Amino acid sequence: MIQTPYLLFLGDAPDQLAAKVAQGIKDWRPENAIGQLRLSECKADVGLKDMTLEQAAAAGARTLVIGVANRGGVISETWKEVLRNALAQGFDLASGLHNLLKHEADLVELAEKHGLALHDVRIPEVKYPIADGRRRAGKRCLAIGTDCSVGKMYTSLAMDAEMRRRGLKSTFRATGQTGILITGDGVPLDAVVADFMAGSIEWLTPDNDPDHWDMIEGQGSLFHVSYSGVTLALIHGGQPDALVLSHEPTRPHMRGLPDYQMPPLEAVRDAGLAMAKVVNPDCQVIGISVNTHHMGEDEALTYLEQTEKRIGLPAVDPFRQGAGRLIDALLDI
């Protein structure tokens, strides 16, 4: 188990989106987030108290969590001094990066010396099966996006919270580093060998009660040339009964791909539904989740109204407005 509370390390994150791991923990498990630690070059701020290692230790923090998700998932050399000092001061370390803590000899040596733990949450711990496409009892909802990091995890968490608020059966199924750090369980999908990705999602979303919903955390985008594989594995392995389209409307291009424009929602709807019907002919698209964080209130409401009218589906920002209308649509299918 990863010891809480956490000190969230934002490192030298170049923008707010790069600190999405820390932001997700702060938003969904605030009781576990005691403060943030930023280097001087950091351009992100998740709204927690800035602390030194000494201050965080005095406040009771047990684990320094790397809250940055950079391209390639690497442990930057500019972070190393902080990580070494954290171990020297008694902190465990936790990371969801592809570059594993256990492969950093200096960190391993210090952790062993001080009797501390290195938690790499992006390591698959189960021997996952190859997907077989067998229909499973229970229901499943998957968020698919126009791009990476548009709010798919927030959508699923908000829908799960609303289901629970109504006394309905629901489980959030984490498929990425932030979701796993929030819930303590899940499948680190982008670290699973390709042949077993869809099977890992079948394993994650097993047979359940007929009225139980799995809210599956989405990853990547069918239209993102770097990360489309994880999205298709989620669709085929998740065998969703419902899809929610996730979108962030203020981006000039795909995340990390300046030569690729954002796809229209209609294209994501049609492609996602076509792939979902391969494994579940009854799948439906039930709503649109829009990340309006960078919009003012009036601008956001206007965009949501126009989008809903154009697509013919309820369009909401579930973090800003709540997920009630998405759950209403979900329960209607």
C-alpha atoms as a PDB file:
ATOM      1  CA  MET A   1       0.000   0.000   0.000  1.00  0.00           C
ATOM      2  CA  ILE A   2       1.148   3.529  -0.774  1.00  0.00           C
ATOM      3  CA  GLN A   3       1.317   5.484   2.468  1.00  0.00           C
ATOM      4  CA  THR A   4      -0.747   8.664   2.730  1.00  0.00           C
ATOM      5  CA  PRO A   5      -0.880  11.625   2.920  1.00  0.00           C
ATOM      6  CA  TYR A   6       1.068  12.666  -0.158  1.00  0.00           C
ATOM      7  CA  LEU A   7       3.328  15.563  -1.016  1.00  0.00           C
ATOM      8  CA  LEU A   8       2.711  16.129  -4.735  1.00  0.00           C
ATOM      9  CA  PHE A   9       5.855  16.842  -6.741  1.00  0.00           C
ATOM     10  CA  LEU A  10       5.175  19.040  -9.789  1.00  0.00           C
ATOM     11  CA  GLY A  11       8.831  19.276 -10.786  1.00  0.00           C
ATOM     12  CA  ASP A  12       9.435  21.598 -13.720  1.00  0.00           C
ATOM     13  CA  ALA A  13       6.057  20.988 -15.391  1.00  0.00           C
ATOM     14  CA  PRO A  14       5.943  23.268 -18.470  1.00  0.00           C
ATOM     15  CA  ASP A  15       2.173  23.837 -18.291  1.00  0.00           C
ATOM     16  CA  GLN A  16      -0.874  22.979 -16.204  1.00  0.00           C
ATOM     17  CA  LEU A  17      -1.774  19.918 -18.247  1.00  0.00           C
ATOM     18  CA  ALA A  18       1.636  18.362 -17.584  1.00  0.00           C
ATOM     19  CA  ALA A  19       0.708  18.221 -13.880  1.00  0.00           C
ATOM     20  CA  LYS A  20      -2.499  16.277 -14.544  1.00  0.00           C
ATOM     21  CA  VAL A  21      -1.510  13.461 -12.168  1.00  0.00           C
ATOM     22  CA  ALA A  22      -1.165  15.865  -9.253  1.00  0.00           C
ATOM     23  CA  GLN A  23      -4.300  17.746 -10.294  1.00  0.00           C
ATOM     24  CA  GLY A  24      -6.335  14.554 -10.431  1.00  0.00           C
ATOM     25  CA  ILE A  25      -5.242  13.459  -6.956  1.00  0.00           C
ATOM     26  CA  LYS A  26      -5.940  16.913  -5.539  1.00  0.00           C
ATOM     27  CA  ASP A  27      -9.400  17.091  -7.120  1.00  0.00           C
ATOM     28  CA  TRP A  28     -10.581  13.557  -6.311  1.00  0.00           C
ATOM     29  CA  ARG A  29      -8.663  12.595  -3.163  1.00  0.00           C
ATOM     30  CA  PRO A  30      -7.974  15.958  -1.471  1.00  0.00           C
ATOM     31  CA  GLU A  31      -7.705  14.246   1.913  1.00  0.00           C
ATOM     32  CA  ASN A  32      -4.559  12.511   0.637  1.00  0.00           C
ATOM     33  CA  ALA A  33      -2.869  15.654  -0.739  1.00  0.00           C
ATOM     34  CA  ILE A  34      -1.103  17.676   1.955  1.00  0.00           C
ATOM     35  CA  GLY A  35       0.822  20.067  -0.296  1.00  0.00           C
ATOM     36  CA  GLN A  36       2.799  20.594  -3.492  1.00  0.00           C
ATOM     37  CA  LEU A  37       6.520  20.910  -4.214  1.00  0.00           C
ATOM     38  CA  ARG A  38       7.582  22.832  -7.318  1.00  0.00           C
ATOM     39  CA  LEU A  39      10.930  23.621  -8.885  1.00  0.00           C
ATOM     40  CA  SER A  40      11.619  27.223  -9.868  1.00  0.00           C
ATOM     41  CA  GLU A  41      10.928  26.496 -13.553  1.00  0.00           C
ATOM     42  CA  CYS A  42       7.492  24.996 -12.868  1.00  0.00           C
ATOM     43  CA  LYS A  43       4.591  26.600 -14.743  1.00  0.00           C
ATOM     44  CA  ALA A  44       1.852  24.538 -13.066  1.00  0.00           C
ATOM     45  CA  ASP A  45      -0.051  25.053  -9.828  1.00  0.00           C
ATOM     46  CA  VAL A  46      -2.716  22.655  -8.498  1.00  0.00           C
ATOM     47  CA  GLY A  47      -3.794  25.039  -5.763  1.00  0.00           C
ATOM     48  CA  LEU A  48      -2.190  23.374  -2.771  1.00  0.00           C
ATOM     49  CA  LYS A  49       0.160  24.940  -0.254  1.00  0.00           C
ATOM     50  CA  ASP A  50       3.756  25.078  -1.501  1.00  0.00           C
ATOM     51  CA  MET A  51       5.939  23.127   0.881  1.00  0.00           C
ATOM     52  CA  THR A  52       9.542  22.129   1.281  1.00  0.00           C
ATOM     53  CA  LEU A  53      10.333  18.524   2.113  1.00  0.00           C
ATOM     54  CA  GLU A  54      10.987  19.543   5.711  1.00  0.00           C
ATOM     55  CA  GLN A  55       7.634  21.326   6.008  1.00  0.00           C
ATOM     56  CA  ALA A  56       5.749  18.430   4.450  1.00  0.00           C
ATOM     57  CA  ALA A  57       7.431  15.912   6.758  1.00  0.00           C
ATOM     58  CA  ALA A  58       6.497  18.022   9.772  1.00  0.00           C
ATOM     59  CA  ALA A  59       2.900  18.139   8.496  1.00  0.00           C
ATOM     60  CA  GLY A  60       2.792  14.336   8.310  1.00  0.00           C
ATOM     61  CA  ALA A  61       3.357  13.584   4.611  1.00  0.00           C
ATOM     62  CA  ARG A  62       4.496   9.997   4.065  1.00  0.00           C
ATOM     63  CA  THR A  63       5.017   9.694   0.300  1.00  0.00           C
ATOM     64  CA  LEU A  64       6.376  12.029  -2.367  1.00  0.00           C
ATOM     65  CA  VAL A  65       4.276  11.383  -5.471  1.00  0.00           C
ATOM     66  CA  ILE A  66       5.623  12.407  -8.861  1.00  0.00           C
ATOM     67  CA  GLY A  67       2.603  14.317 -10.132  1.00  0.00           C
ATOM     68  CA  VAL A  68       3.932  15.056 -13.608  1.00  0.00           C
ATOM     69  CA  ALA A  69       3.024  13.227 -16.816  1.00  0.00           C
ATOM     70  CA  ASN A  70       5.602  14.192 -19.426  1.00  0.00           C
ATOM     71  CA  ARG A  71       5.894  12.911 -22.984  1.00  0.00           C
ATOM     72  CA  GLY A  72       7.559   9.502 -22.826  1.00  0.00           C
ATOM     73  CA  GLY A  73       7.106   9.211 -19.062  1.00  0.00           C
ATOM     74  CA  VAL A  74      10.737   9.815 -18.081  1.00  0.00           C
ATOM     75  CA  ILE A  75      12.303  10.702 -14.741  1.00  0.00           C
ATOM     76  CA  SER A  76      14.088  13.963 -15.456  1.00  0.00           C
ATOM     77  CA  GLU A  77      17.622  14.426 -14.201  1.00  0.00           C
ATOM     78  CA  THR A  78      16.550  17.849 -12.917  1.00  0.00           C
ATOM     79  CA  TRP A  79      14.264  16.082 -10.419  1.00  0.00           C
ATOM     80  CA  LYS A  80      16.878  13.731  -9.024  1.00  0.00           C
ATOM     81  CA  GLU A  81      18.198  15.956  -6.236  1.00  0.00           C
ATOM     82  CA  VAL A  82      14.687  16.369  -4.836  1.00  0.00           C
ATOM     83  CA  LEU A  83      13.971  12.637  -5.084  1.00  0.00           C
ATOM     84  CA  ARG A  84      17.223  11.722  -3.345  1.00  0.00           C
ATOM     85  CA  ASN A  85      16.618  14.295  -0.605  1.00  0.00           C
ATOM     86  CA  ALA A  86      13.089  12.983  -0.109  1.00  0.00           C
ATOM     87  CA  LEU A  87      14.396   9.485   0.526  1.00  0.00           C
ATOM     88  CA  ALA A  88      17.057  10.830   2.854  1.00  0.00           C
ATOM     89  CA  GLN A  89      14.311  12.565   4.861  1.00  0.00           C
ATOM     90  CA  GLY A  90      12.154   9.471   5.167  1.00  0.00           C
ATOM     91  CA  PHE A  91       9.666   9.762   2.319  1.00  0.00           C
ATOM     92  CA  ASP A  92       8.565   6.808   0.220  1.00  0.00           C
ATOM     93  CA  LEU A  93       8.416   7.612  -3.510  1.00  0.00           C
ATOM     94  CA  ALA A  94       5.549   6.865  -5.886  1.00  0.00           C
ATOM     95  CA  SER A  95       5.508   7.294  -9.650  1.00  0.00           C
ATOM     96  CA  GLY A  96       3.342   6.402 -12.600  1.00  0.00           C
ATOM     97  CA  LEU A  97       5.993   7.118 -15.229  1.00  0.00           C
ATOM     98  CA  HIS A  98       7.243   4.611 -17.787  1.00  0.00           C
ATOM     99  CA  ASN A  99      10.791   5.296 -16.534  1.00  0.00           C
ATOM    100  CA  LEU A 100      10.673   3.181 -13.375  1.00  0.00           C
ATOM    101  CA  LEU A 101      11.971   4.222  -9.974  1.00  0.00           C
ATOM    102  CA  LYS A 102      13.332   0.715  -9.452  1.00  0.00           C
ATOM    103  CA  HIS A 103      15.601   1.163 -12.489  1.00  0.00           C
ATOM    104  CA  GLU A 104      17.314   4.215 -10.966  1.00  0.00           C
ATOM    105  CA  ALA A 105      20.289   2.762  -9.090  1.00  0.00           C
ATOM    106  CA  ASP A 106      20.854   5.797  -6.855  1.00  0.00           C
ATOM    107  CA  LEU A 107      17.219   5.838  -5.726  1.00  0.00           C
ATOM    108  CA  VAL A 108      17.202   2.094  -5.107  1.00  0.00           C
ATOM    109  CA  GLU A 109      20.368   2.357  -3.009  1.00  0.00           C
ATOM    110  CA  LEU A 110      18.928   5.150  -0.860  1.00  0.00           C
ATOM    111  CA  ALA A 111      15.568   3.406  -0.444  1.00  0.00           C
ATOM    112  CA  GLU A 112      17.301   0.231   0.751  1.00  0.00           C
ATOM    113  CA  LYS A 113      19.582   2.193   3.063  1.00  0.00           C
ATOM    114  CA  HIS A 114      16.667   3.941   4.785  1.00  0.00           C
ATOM    115  CA  GLY A 115      14.168   1.080   4.603  1.00  0.00           C
ATOM    116  CA  LEU A 116      11.778   2.967   2.335  1.00  0.00           C
ATOM    117  CA  ALA A 117       9.513   1.941  -0.538  1.00  0.00           C
ATOM    118  CA  LEU A 118       9.609   2.795  -4.239  1.00  0.00           C
ATOM    119  CA  HIS A 119       6.149   2.438  -5.793  1.00  0.00           C
ATOM    120  CA  ASP A 120       5.958   2.110  -9.583  1.00  0.00           C
ATOM    121  CA  VAL A 121       2.229   2.038 -10.309  1.00  0.00           C
ATOM    122  CA  ARG A 122       2.728   1.599 -14.057  1.00  0.00           C
ATOM    123  CA  ILE A 123       3.913  -1.993 -13.707  1.00  0.00           C
ATOM    124  CA  PRO A 124       1.340  -4.679 -14.571  1.00  0.00           C
ATOM    125  CA  GLU A 125       1.064  -7.023 -11.584  1.00  0.00           C
ATOM    126  CA  VAL A 126      -1.276  -9.588 -13.176  1.00  0.00           C
ATOM    127  CA  LYS A 127      -0.769 -12.112 -15.967  1.00  0.00           C
ATOM    128  CA  TYR A 128      -3.554 -10.816 -18.183  1.00  0.00           C
ATOM    129  CA  PRO A 129      -5.378 -13.059 -20.664  1.00  0.00           C
ATOM    130  CA  ILE A 130      -5.780 -12.540 -24.378  1.00  0.00           C
ATOM    131  CA  ALA A 131      -9.254 -11.117 -25.030  1.00  0.00           C
ATOM    132  CA  ASP A 132     -11.892 -13.614 -26.116  1.00  0.00           C
ATOM    133  CA  GLY A 133     -14.838 -11.256 -26.681  1.00  0.00           C
ATOM    134  CA  ARG A 134     -17.227 -13.268 -24.505  1.00  0.00           C
ATOM    135  CA  ARG A 135     -20.295 -11.258 -23.515  1.00  0.00           C
ATOM    136  CA  ARG A 136     -20.292 -10.471 -19.804  1.00  0.00           C
ATOM    137  CA  ALA A 137     -23.104  -9.745 -17.369  1.00  0.00           C
ATOM    138  CA  GLY A 138     -23.439  -6.224 -16.011  1.00  0.00           C
ATOM    139  CA  LYS A 139     -23.124  -2.922 -17.866  1.00  0.00           C
ATOM    140  CA  ARG A 140     -20.175  -0.796 -18.893  1.00  0.00           C
ATOM    141  CA  CYS A 141     -19.672   2.831 -19.886  1.00  0.00           C
ATOM    142  CA  LEU A 142     -16.496   4.131 -21.549  1.00  0.00           C
ATOM    143  CA  ALA A 143     -15.402   7.711 -22.175  1.00  0.00           C
ATOM    144  CA  ILE A 144     -13.682   8.212 -25.541  1.00  0.00           C
ATOM    145  CA  GLY A 145     -12.033  11.466 -26.524  1.00  0.00           C
ATOM    146  CA  THR A 146     -11.171  13.766 -29.363  1.00  0.00           C
ATOM    147  CA  ASP A 147      -7.639  13.903 -27.921  1.00  0.00           C
ATOM    148  CA  CYS A 148      -5.448  12.877 -24.989  1.00  0.00           C
ATOM    149  CA  SER A 149      -5.988  14.566 -21.613  1.00  0.00           C
ATOM    150  CA  VAL A 150      -9.386  16.088 -22.391  1.00  0.00           C
ATOM    151  CA  GLY A 151     -11.197  14.882 -19.270  1.00  0.00           C
ATOM    152  CA  LYS A 152     -12.042  11.217 -19.825  1.00  0.00           C
ATOM    153  CA  MET A 153     -10.981  10.229 -16.310  1.00  0.00           C
ATOM    154  CA  TYR A 154     -12.851  13.152 -14.737  1.00  0.00           C
ATOM    155  CA  THR A 155     -15.947  12.163 -16.729  1.00  0.00           C
ATOM    156  CA  SER A 156     -15.907   8.584 -15.463  1.00  0.00           C
ATOM    157  CA  LEU A 157     -15.157   9.627 -11.877  1.00  0.00           C
ATOM    158  CA  ALA A 158     -17.957  12.203 -11.928  1.00  0.00           C
ATOM    159  CA  MET A 159     -20.428   9.698 -13.364  1.00  0.00           C
ATOM    160  CA  ASP A 160     -19.430   7.089 -10.790  1.00  0.00           C
ATOM    161  CA  ALA A 161     -19.853   9.634  -7.983  1.00  0.00           C
ATOM    162  CA  GLU A 162     -23.314  10.598  -9.252  1.00  0.00           C
ATOM    163  CA  MET A 163     -24.377   6.956  -9.509  1.00  0.00           C
ATOM    164  CA  ARG A 164     -23.268   6.351  -5.937  1.00  0.00           C
ATOM    165  CA  ARG A 165     -25.015   9.516  -4.763  1.00  0.00           C
ATOM    166  CA  ARG A 166     -28.244   8.084  -6.180  1.00  0.00           C
ATOM    167  CA  GLY A 167     -27.690   4.771  -4.419  1.00  0.00           C
ATOM    168  CA  LEU A 168     -27.031   2.912  -7.689  1.00  0.00           C
ATOM    169  CA  LYS A 169     -24.413   0.234  -8.331  1.00  0.00           C
ATOM    170  CA  SER A 170     -21.252   1.595  -9.930  1.00  0.00           C
ATOM    171  CA  THR A 171     -17.476   1.077  -9.904  1.00  0.00           C
ATOM    172  CA  PHE A 172     -14.831   3.376 -11.355  1.00  0.00           C
ATOM    173  CA  ARG A 173     -12.297   1.247 -13.263  1.00  0.00           C
ATOM    174  CA  ALA A 174      -8.889   2.929 -13.434  1.00  0.00           C
ATOM    175  CA  THR A 175      -6.735   2.314 -16.509  1.00  0.00           C
ATOM    176  CA  GLY A 176      -3.954   4.871 -16.043  1.00  0.00           C
ATOM    177  CA  GLN A 177      -1.464   6.112 -13.500  1.00  0.00           C
ATOM    178  CA  THR A 178      -3.583   8.920 -12.075  1.00  0.00           C
ATOM    179  CA  GLY A 179      -6.677   6.777 -11.699  1.00  0.00           C
ATOM    180  CA  ILE A 180      -4.659   4.069  -9.974  1.00  0.00           C
ATOM    181  CA  LEU A 181      -3.114   6.589  -7.568  1.00  0.00           C
ATOM    182  CA  ILE A 182      -6.601   7.948  -6.824  1.00  0.00           C
ATOM    183  CA  THR A 183      -8.319   4.608  -6.252  1.00  0.00           C
ATOM    184  CA  GLY A 184      -5.425   2.314  -5.336  1.00  0.00           C
ATOM    185  CA  ASP A 185      -6.289  -0.267  -7.992  1.00  0.00           C
ATOM    186  CA  GLY A 186      -6.623  -0.736 -11.752  1.00  0.00           C
ATOM    187  CA  VAL A 187      -4.771  -1.682 -14.935  1.00  0.00           C
ATOM    188  CA  PRO A 188      -1.812   0.437 -16.165  1.00  0.00           C
ATOM    189  CA  LEU A 189      -2.990  -0.127 -19.727  1.00  0.00           C
ATOM    190  CA  ASP A 190      -0.244   1.637 -21.661  1.00  0.00           C
ATOM    191  CA  ALA A 191       2.335  -0.585 -19.931  1.00  0.00           C
ATOM    192  CA  VAL A 192       0.586  -3.837 -20.892  1.00  0.00           C
ATOM    193  CA  VAL A 193       2.046  -5.857 -23.793  1.00  0.00           C
ATOM    194  CA  ALA A 194      -0.052  -5.104 -26.874  1.00  0.00           C
ATOM    195  CA  ASP A 195      -1.501  -8.599 -27.368  1.00  0.00           C
ATOM    196  CA  PHE A 196      -2.912  -8.525 -23.827  1.00  0.00           C
ATOM    197  CA  MET A 197      -4.306  -4.984 -23.648  1.00  0.00           C
ATOM    198  CA  ALA A 198      -7.908  -5.839 -24.552  1.00  0.00           C
ATOM    199  CA  GLY A 199      -7.745  -8.918 -22.323  1.00  0.00           C
ATOM    200  CA  SER A 200      -6.620  -6.791 -19.379  1.00  0.00           C
ATOM    201  CA  ILE A 201      -9.764  -4.694 -19.718  1.00  0.00           C
ATOM    202  CA  GLU A 202     -11.912  -7.821 -19.874  1.00  0.00           C
ATOM    203  CA  TRP A 203     -10.196  -8.864 -16.626  1.00  0.00           C
ATOM    204  CA  LEU A 204     -10.793  -5.420 -15.110  1.00  0.00           C
ATOM    205  CA  THR A 205     -14.522  -5.420 -15.931  1.00  0.00           C
ATOM    206  CA  PRO A 206     -15.736  -8.959 -15.160  1.00  0.00           C
ATOM    207  CA  ASP A 207     -19.259 -10.349 -14.927  1.00  0.00           C
ATOM    208  CA  ASN A 208     -21.375  -8.356 -12.504  1.00  0.00           C
ATOM    209  CA  ASP A 209     -24.950  -7.764 -11.386  1.00  0.00           C
ATOM    210  CA  PRO A 210     -27.287  -6.892 -14.283  1.00  0.00           C
ATOM    211  CA  ASP A 211     -27.883  -3.387 -12.865  1.00  0.00           C
ATOM    212  CA  HIS A 212     -24.226  -2.669 -12.044  1.00  0.00           C
ATOM    213  CA  TRP A 213     -22.271  -0.162 -14.156  1.00  0.00           C
ATOM    214  CA  ASP A 214     -18.494  -0.130 -14.613  1.00  0.00           C
ATOM    215  CA  MET A 215     -17.301   3.404 -15.415  1.00  0.00           C
ATOM    216  CA  ILE A 216     -14.173   2.721 -17.440  1.00  0.00           C
ATOM    217  CA  GLU A 217     -11.463   5.379 -17.524  1.00  0.00           C
ATOM    218  CA  GLY A 218     -10.668   6.243 -21.137  1.00  0.00           C
ATOM    219  CA  GLN A 219      -7.177   6.666 -22.589  1.00  0.00           C
ATOM    220  CA  GLY A 220      -5.788   8.296 -25.714  1.00  0.00           C
ATOM    221  CA  SER A 221      -7.970   8.855 -28.768  1.00  0.00           C
ATOM    222  CA  LEU A 222      -8.766   6.856 -31.884  1.00  0.00           C
ATOM    223  CA  PHE A 223      -7.602   9.962 -33.769  1.00  0.00           C
ATOM    224  CA  HIS A 224      -4.279  10.444 -31.944  1.00  0.00           C
ATOM    225  CA  VAL A 225      -1.576   8.764 -34.021  1.00  0.00           C
ATOM    226  CA  SER A 226       0.630   8.218 -30.954  1.00  0.00           C
ATOM    227  CA  TYR A 227      -1.903   6.611 -28.624  1.00  0.00           C
ATOM    228  CA  SER A 228      -4.814   5.208 -30.642  1.00  0.00           C
ATOM    229  CA  GLY A 229      -3.914   1.615 -29.730  1.00  0.00           C
ATOM    230  CA  VAL A 230      -4.914   1.939 -26.079  1.00  0.00           C
ATOM    231  CA  THR A 231      -8.253   3.444 -27.061  1.00  0.00           C
ATOM    232  CA  LEU A 232      -9.158   0.558 -29.345  1.00  0.00           C
ATOM    233  CA  ALA A 233      -8.115  -1.941 -26.662  1.00  0.00           C
ATOM    234  CA  LEU A 234     -10.441  -0.213 -24.207  1.00  0.00           C
ATOM    235  CA  ILE A 235     -13.331  -0.338 -26.667  1.00  0.00           C
ATOM    236  CA  HIS A 236     -12.918  -3.986 -27.590  1.00  0.00           C
ATOM    237  CA  GLY A 237     -11.934  -5.182 -24.113  1.00  0.00           C
ATOM    238  CA  GLY A 238     -14.482  -3.014 -22.327  1.00  0.00           C
ATOM    239  CA  GLN A 239     -17.343  -4.126 -24.570  1.00  0.00           C
ATOM    240  CA  PRO A 240     -19.221  -0.947 -23.609  1.00  0.00           C
ATOM    241  CA  ASP A 241     -22.978  -0.615 -23.513  1.00  0.00           C
ATOM    242  CA  ALA A 242     -22.561   3.174 -23.572  1.00  0.00           C
ATOM    243  CA  LEU A 243     -20.007   5.660 -24.854  1.00  0.00           C
ATOM    244  CA  VAL A 244     -19.518   9.254 -23.691  1.00  0.00           C
ATOM    245  CA  LEU A 245     -17.660  11.640 -25.998  1.00  0.00           C
ATOM    246  CA  SER A 246     -15.050  13.773 -24.209  1.00  0.00           C
ATOM    247  CA  HIS A 247     -13.769  17.027 -25.680  1.00  0.00           C
ATOM    248  CA  GLU A 248     -11.699  20.107 -24.831  1.00  0.00           C
ATOM    249  CA  PRO A 249     -12.741  22.835 -27.300  1.00  0.00           C
ATOM    250  CA  THR A 250      -9.978  25.426 -26.850  1.00  0.00           C
ATOM    251  CA  ARG A 251      -7.047  23.418 -28.214  1.00  0.00           C
ATOM    252  CA  PRO A 252      -5.438  24.538 -31.478  1.00  0.00           C
ATOM    253  CA  HIS A 253      -4.232  21.014 -32.338  1.00  0.00           C
ATOM    254  CA  MET A 254      -3.848  17.486 -30.978  1.00  0.00           C
ATOM    255  CA  ARG A 255      -1.776  17.235 -27.810  1.00  0.00           C
ATOM    256  CA  GLY A 256       1.895  16.990 -28.811  1.00  0.00           C
ATOM    257  CA  LEU A 257       1.037  16.880 -32.552  1.00  0.00           C
ATOM    258  CA  PRO A 258       1.029  20.423 -33.977  1.00  0.00           C
ATOM    259  CA  ASP A 259       0.470  19.129 -37.520  1.00  0.00           C
ATOM    260  CA  TYR A 260      -2.761  17.326 -36.580  1.00  0.00           C
ATOM    261  CA  GLN A 261      -6.010  19.198 -36.044  1.00  0.00           C
ATOM    262  CA  MET A 262      -8.642  18.149 -33.511  1.00  0.00           C
ATOM    263  CA  PRO A 263     -11.245  15.826 -35.048  1.00  0.00           C
ATOM    264  CA  PRO A 264     -14.922  16.852 -35.009  1.00  0.00           C
ATOM    265  CA  LEU A 265     -17.141  15.229 -32.412  1.00  0.00           C
ATOM    266  CA  GLU A 266     -19.194  13.640 -35.171  1.00  0.00           C
ATOM    267  CA  ALA A 267     -16.134  11.760 -36.429  1.00  0.00           C
ATOM    268  CA  VAL A 268     -15.268  10.498 -32.939  1.00  0.00           C
ATOM    269  CA  ARG A 269     -18.876   9.432 -32.400  1.00  0.00           C
ATOM    270  CA  ASP A 270     -19.060   7.501 -35.644  1.00  0.00           C
ATOM    271  CA  ALA A 271     -15.632   5.834 -35.384  1.00  0.00           C
ATOM    272  CA  GLY A 272     -16.047   4.922 -31.736  1.00  0.00           C
ATOM    273  CA  LEU A 273     -19.516   3.494 -32.229  1.00  0.00           C
ATOM    274  CA  ALA A 274     -18.417   1.453 -35.239  1.00  0.00           C
ATOM    275  CA  MET A 275     -15.596  -0.115 -33.221  1.00  0.00           C
ATOM    276  CA  ALA A 276     -17.829  -0.697 -30.184  1.00  0.00           C
ATOM    277  CA  LYS A 277     -20.498  -2.470 -32.224  1.00  0.00           C
ATOM    278  CA  VAL A 278     -17.914  -5.094 -33.187  1.00  0.00           C
ATOM    279  CA  VAL A 279     -18.156  -6.440 -29.632  1.00  0.00           C
ATOM    280  CA  ASN A 280     -21.532  -5.050 -28.540  1.00  0.00           C
ATOM    281  CA  PRO A 281     -24.083  -4.393 -31.320  1.00  0.00           C
ATOM    282  CA  ASP A 282     -26.352  -2.650 -28.797  1.00  0.00           C
ATOM    283  CA  CYS A 283     -23.816   0.020 -27.773  1.00  0.00           C
ATOM    284  CA  GLN A 284     -25.067   3.626 -27.827  1.00  0.00           C
ATOM    285  CA  VAL A 285     -23.461   7.054 -27.546  1.00  0.00           C
ATOM    286  CA  ILE A 286     -25.353   8.700 -24.699  1.00  0.00           C
ATOM    287  CA  GLY A 287     -23.795  12.126 -24.174  1.00  0.00           C
ATOM    288  CA  ILE A 288     -20.965  14.595 -24.525  1.00  0.00           C
ATOM    289  CA  SER A 289     -18.602  15.617 -21.735  1.00  0.00           C
ATOM    290  CA  VAL A 290     -16.946  18.966 -22.436  1.00  0.00           C
ATOM    291  CA  ASN A 291     -13.947  20.256 -20.481  1.00  0.00           C
ATOM    292  CA  THR A 292     -14.749  23.992 -20.253  1.00  0.00           C
ATOM    293  CA  HIS A 293     -11.988  24.805 -17.757  1.00  0.00           C
ATOM    294  CA  HIS A 294     -10.476  27.453 -20.050  1.00  0.00           C
ATOM    295  CA  MET A 295     -13.832  29.114 -20.822  1.00  0.00           C
ATOM    296  CA  GLY A 296     -15.784  31.741 -18.949  1.00  0.00           C
ATOM    297  CA  GLU A 297     -19.243  30.850 -17.652  1.00  0.00           C
ATOM    298  CA  ASP A 298     -21.235  32.464 -20.479  1.00  0.00           C
ATOM    299  CA  GLU A 299     -18.889  31.151 -23.173  1.00  0.00           C
ATOM    300  CA  ALA A 300     -19.080  27.646 -21.723  1.00  0.00           C
ATOM    301  CA  LEU A 301     -22.878  27.631 -21.549  1.00  0.00           C
ATOM    302  CA  THR A 302     -23.178  28.892 -25.106  1.00  0.00           C
ATOM    303  CA  TYR A 303     -20.779  26.241 -26.384  1.00  0.00           C
ATOM    304  CA  LEU A 304     -22.616  23.467 -24.538  1.00  0.00           C
ATOM    305  CA  GLU A 305     -25.994  24.607 -25.876  1.00  0.00           C
ATOM    306  CA  GLN A 306     -24.716  24.823 -29.448  1.00  0.00           C
ATOM    307  CA  THR A 307     -23.001  21.445 -29.231  1.00  0.00           C
ATOM    308  CA  GLU A 308     -26.075  19.767 -27.794  1.00  0.00           C
ATOM    309  CA  LYS A 309     -28.256  21.204 -30.547  1.00  0.00           C
ATOM    310  CA  ARG A 310     -25.792  20.167 -33.279  1.00  0.00           C
ATOM    311  CA  ILE A 311     -25.120  16.610 -32.093  1.00  0.00           C
ATOM    312  CA  GLY A 312     -28.507  15.877 -30.536  1.00  0.00           C
ATOM    313  CA  LEU A 313     -27.063  14.545 -27.254  1.00  0.00           C
ATOM    314  CA  PRO A 314     -26.851  16.080 -23.759  1.00  0.00           C
ATOM    315  CA  ALA A 315     -23.658  18.142 -23.516  1.00  0.00           C
ATOM    316  CA  VAL A 316     -22.343  19.040 -20.057  1.00  0.00           C
ATOM    317  CA  ASP A 317     -19.165  19.769 -18.162  1.00  0.00           C
ATOM    318  CA  PRO A 318     -19.497  17.093 -15.437  1.00  0.00           C
ATOM    319  CA  PHE A 319     -16.814  18.616 -13.217  1.00  0.00           C
ATOM    320  CA  ARG A 320     -18.280  22.106 -13.430  1.00  0.00           C
ATOM    321  CA  GLN A 321     -21.996  21.263 -13.571  1.00  0.00           C
ATOM    322  CA  GLY A 322     -22.259  17.709 -12.293  1.00  0.00           C
ATOM    323  CA  ALA A 323     -22.894  14.489 -14.201  1.00  0.00           C
ATOM    324  CA  GLY A 324     -26.613  14.255 -13.536  1.00  0.00           C
ATOM    325  CA  ARG A 325     -27.771  14.634 -17.133  1.00  0.00           C
ATOM    326  CA  LEU A 326     -25.243  12.053 -18.337  1.00  0.00           C
ATOM    327  CA  ILE A 327     -26.523   9.555 -15.781  1.00  0.00           C
ATOM    328  CA  ASP A 328     -30.112  10.314 -16.776  1.00  0.00           C
ATOM    329  CA  ALA A 329     -29.206   9.498 -20.386  1.00  0.00           C
ATOM    330  CA  LEU A 330     -27.276   6.395 -19.320  1.00  0.00           C
ATOM    331  CA  LEU A 331     -30.208   4.974 -17.396  1.00  0.00           C
ATOM    332  CA  ASP A 332     -32.523   5.511 -20.359  1.00  0.00           C
ATOM    333  CA  ILE A 333     -30.782   2.983 -22.606  1.00  0.00           C
END
